[in-house]
Amino acid sequence: LQVTDKESAAVATAPRVSLADIEAAIAARYDTTGAFAIGTAPGMPCLAQLSICILVMKNGFMVIGKSAPASPENFSAELGRKFAYEDAVRQLWPLMGFALRDRLAAQ
């Protein structure tokens, strides 16, 4: 996300939503796993490999990012948290872009 944001900033000549804007709008971040979120499900040990990131925005809006490996052997809790966070941020980008466009149109 940081590389893409820097590349976009390098060519931007008008207002835009930056990664810093998104991060500044986040009030809280919660990381968990599918297994912790719903409890133990018989026959579903794979839920422990589902990483979930909940972002609560300063305005109260929430998004949920998720990540799961295709092969259980590739699961990394650290990478799962990172990818789930990035998934949540990607959901915020168009929403914040819409809000910016709305403000610009009102001017």
C-alpha atoms as a PDB file:
ATOM      1  CA  LEU A   1       0.000   0.000   0.000  1.00  0.00           C
ATOM      2  CA  GLN A   2       2.792   2.441   0.813  1.00  0.00           C
ATOM      3  CA  VAL A   3       4.511   1.970  -2.542  1.00  0.00           C
ATOM      4  CA  THR A   4       1.278   2.501  -4.484  1.00  0.00           C
ATOM      5  CA  ASP A   5       0.458   5.555  -2.377  1.00  0.00           C
ATOM      6  CA  LYS A   6       3.885   7.088  -3.029  1.00  0.00           C
ATOM      7  CA  GLU A   7       3.595   6.430  -6.770  1.00  0.00           C
ATOM      8  CA  SER A   8       0.149   8.064  -6.835  1.00  0.00           C
ATOM      9  CA  ALA A   9       1.364  11.059  -4.860  1.00  0.00           C
ATOM     10  CA  ALA A  10       4.264  11.560  -7.276  1.00  0.00           C
ATOM     11  CA  VAL A  11       1.907  12.257 -10.190  1.00  0.00           C
ATOM     12  CA  ALA A  12      -1.017  13.863  -8.342  1.00  0.00           C
ATOM     13  CA  THR A  13      -1.847  17.446  -9.219  1.00  0.00           C
ATOM     14  CA  ALA A  14      -5.208  17.665  -7.439  1.00  0.00           C
ATOM     15  CA  PRO A  15      -6.673  16.629  -4.077  1.00  0.00           C
ATOM     16  CA  ARG A  16      -6.536  12.894  -3.447  1.00  0.00           C
ATOM     17  CA  VAL A  17      -7.036  10.390  -0.673  1.00  0.00           C
ATOM     18  CA  SER A  18      -3.707   9.271   0.730  1.00  0.00           C
ATOM     19  CA  LEU A  19      -2.786   6.357   2.944  1.00  0.00           C
ATOM     20  CA  ALA A  20      -2.032   8.914   5.657  1.00  0.00           C
ATOM     21  CA  ASP A  21      -5.581  10.292   5.307  1.00  0.00           C
ATOM     22  CA  ILE A  22      -7.026   6.827   5.772  1.00  0.00           C
ATOM     23  CA  GLU A  23      -4.805   6.013   8.738  1.00  0.00           C
ATOM     24  CA  ALA A  24      -5.661   9.365  10.354  1.00  0.00           C
ATOM     25  CA  ALA A  25      -9.378   8.538  10.081  1.00  0.00           C
ATOM     26  CA  ILE A  26      -9.004   5.217  11.947  1.00  0.00           C
ATOM     27  CA  ALA A  27     -10.063   5.376  15.598  1.00  0.00           C
ATOM     28  CA  ALA A  28      -9.396   1.728  16.502  1.00  0.00           C
ATOM     29  CA  ARG A  29      -8.067  -1.514  15.058  1.00  0.00           C
ATOM     30  CA  TYR A  30      -8.999  -4.986  16.260  1.00  0.00           C
ATOM     31  CA  ASP A  31      -7.263  -8.134  15.034  1.00  0.00           C
ATOM     32  CA  THR A  32      -8.630 -11.608  15.650  1.00  0.00           C
ATOM     33  CA  THR A  33      -9.052 -15.004  14.013  1.00  0.00           C
ATOM     34  CA  GLY A  34     -12.125 -16.814  12.808  1.00  0.00           C
ATOM     35  CA  ALA A  35     -11.705 -19.421  15.537  1.00  0.00           C
ATOM     36  CA  PHE A  36     -11.566 -16.789  18.281  1.00  0.00           C
ATOM     37  CA  ALA A  37     -14.446 -14.789  16.785  1.00  0.00           C
ATOM     38  CA  ILE A  38     -16.944 -17.664  16.662  1.00  0.00           C
ATOM     39  CA  GLY A  39     -15.419 -20.163  19.054  1.00  0.00           C
ATOM     40  CA  THR A  40     -14.408 -23.704  18.356  1.00  0.00           C
ATOM     41  CA  ALA A  41     -16.348 -25.272  15.513  1.00  0.00           C
ATOM     42  CA  PRO A  42     -16.118 -29.076  15.347  1.00  0.00           C
ATOM     43  CA  GLY A  43     -14.251 -30.187  12.258  1.00  0.00           C
ATOM     44  CA  MET A  44     -13.206 -26.627  11.338  1.00  0.00           C
ATOM     45  CA  PRO A  45      -9.619 -26.112  12.545  1.00  0.00           C
ATOM     46  CA  CYS A  46      -9.055 -23.947   9.451  1.00  0.00           C
ATOM     47  CA  LEU A  47     -10.906 -21.098  11.193  1.00  0.00           C
ATOM     48  CA  ALA A  48      -7.735 -20.504  13.215  1.00  0.00           C
ATOM     49  CA  GLN A  49      -6.055 -19.549   9.933  1.00  0.00           C
ATOM     50  CA  LEU A  50      -8.662 -16.927   9.013  1.00  0.00           C
ATOM     51  CA  SER A  51      -7.247 -13.549  10.013  1.00  0.00           C
ATOM     52  CA  ILE A  52      -9.759 -10.779  10.615  1.00  0.00           C
ATOM     53  CA  CYS A  53      -9.094  -7.052  11.019  1.00  0.00           C
ATOM     54  CA  ILE A  54     -11.845  -4.697  12.130  1.00  0.00           C
ATOM     55  CA  LEU A  55     -11.224  -0.998  11.598  1.00  0.00           C
ATOM     56  CA  VAL A  56     -13.448   1.481  13.405  1.00  0.00           C
ATOM     57  CA  MET A  57     -13.350   4.920  11.868  1.00  0.00           C
ATOM     58  CA  LYS A  58     -13.524   8.152  13.852  1.00  0.00           C
ATOM     59  CA  ASN A  59     -17.041   8.714  12.471  1.00  0.00           C
ATOM     60  CA  GLY A  60     -18.157   5.284  13.758  1.00  0.00           C
ATOM     61  CA  PHE A  61     -18.173   3.492  10.382  1.00  0.00           C
ATOM     62  CA  MET A  62     -16.575   0.032  10.414  1.00  0.00           C
ATOM     63  CA  VAL A  63     -14.939  -2.218   7.831  1.00  0.00           C
ATOM     64  CA  ILE A  64     -13.792  -5.808   8.125  1.00  0.00           C
ATOM     65  CA  GLY A  65     -10.720  -7.081   6.311  1.00  0.00           C
ATOM     66  CA  LYS A  66      -9.852 -10.736   6.044  1.00  0.00           C
ATOM     67  CA  SER A  67      -7.076 -13.016   4.920  1.00  0.00           C
ATOM     68  CA  ALA A  68      -6.645 -16.783   4.706  1.00  0.00           C
ATOM     69  CA  PRO A  69      -3.937 -18.918   3.111  1.00  0.00           C
ATOM     70  CA  ALA A  70      -4.772 -21.301   0.284  1.00  0.00           C
ATOM     71  CA  SER A  71      -2.572 -23.929   1.977  1.00  0.00           C
ATOM     72  CA  PRO A  72      -2.664 -24.281   5.770  1.00  0.00           C
ATOM     73  CA  GLU A  73       1.079 -24.937   5.757  1.00  0.00           C
ATOM     74  CA  ASN A  74       1.648 -21.376   4.534  1.00  0.00           C
ATOM     75  CA  PHE A  75      -0.220 -19.738   7.416  1.00  0.00           C
ATOM     76  CA  SER A  76       1.639 -16.978   9.239  1.00  0.00           C
ATOM     77  CA  ALA A  77      -0.277 -15.116  11.966  1.00  0.00           C
ATOM     78  CA  GLU A  78       1.849 -12.002  11.425  1.00  0.00           C
ATOM     79  CA  LEU A  79       1.295 -11.953   7.653  1.00  0.00           C
ATOM     80  CA  GLY A  80      -2.377 -12.811   8.121  1.00  0.00           C
ATOM     81  CA  ARG A  81      -2.849  -9.726  10.317  1.00  0.00           C
ATOM     82  CA  LYS A  82      -0.968  -7.569   7.793  1.00  0.00           C
ATOM     83  CA  PHE A  83      -2.985  -8.825   4.811  1.00  0.00           C
ATOM     84  CA  ALA A  84      -6.309  -8.495   6.672  1.00  0.00           C
ATOM     85  CA  TYR A  85      -5.433  -4.882   7.573  1.00  0.00           C
ATOM     86  CA  GLU A  86      -4.515  -4.121   3.962  1.00  0.00           C
ATOM     87  CA  ASP A  87      -7.803  -5.661   2.815  1.00  0.00           C
ATOM     88  CA  ALA A  88      -9.707  -3.361   5.195  1.00  0.00           C
ATOM     89  CA  VAL A  89      -7.771  -0.287   4.032  1.00  0.00           C
ATOM     90  CA  ARG A  90      -8.482  -1.128   0.381  1.00  0.00           C
ATOM     91  CA  GLN A  91     -12.195  -1.058   1.210  1.00  0.00           C
ATOM     92  CA  LEU A  92     -11.846   2.405   2.729  1.00  0.00           C
ATOM     93  CA  TRP A  93     -10.073   3.967  -0.251  1.00  0.00           C
ATOM     94  CA  PRO A  94     -13.118   4.218  -2.555  1.00  0.00           C
ATOM     95  CA  LEU A  95     -15.370   5.289   0.321  1.00  0.00           C
ATOM     96  CA  MET A  96     -13.053   8.110   1.285  1.00  0.00           C
ATOM     97  CA  GLY A  97     -12.584   8.943  -2.397  1.00  0.00           C
ATOM     98  CA  PHE A  98     -16.344   9.351  -2.711  1.00  0.00           C
ATOM     99  CA  ALA A  99     -16.418  11.603   0.370  1.00  0.00           C
ATOM    100  CA  LEU A 100     -13.605  13.746  -1.072  1.00  0.00           C
ATOM    101  CA  ARG A 101     -15.359  14.008  -4.439  1.00  0.00           C
ATOM    102  CA  ASP A 102     -18.554  14.996  -2.651  1.00  0.00           C
ATOM    103  CA  ARG A 103     -16.722  17.794  -0.786  1.00  0.00           C
ATOM    104  CA  LEU A 104     -15.058  19.008  -3.996  1.00  0.00           C
ATOM    105  CA  ALA A 105     -18.387  19.060  -5.859  1.00  0.00           C
ATOM    106  CA  ALA A 106     -19.977  21.109  -3.070  1.00  0.00           C
ATOM    107  CA  GLN A 107     -17.338  23.845  -3.355  1.00  0.00           C
END
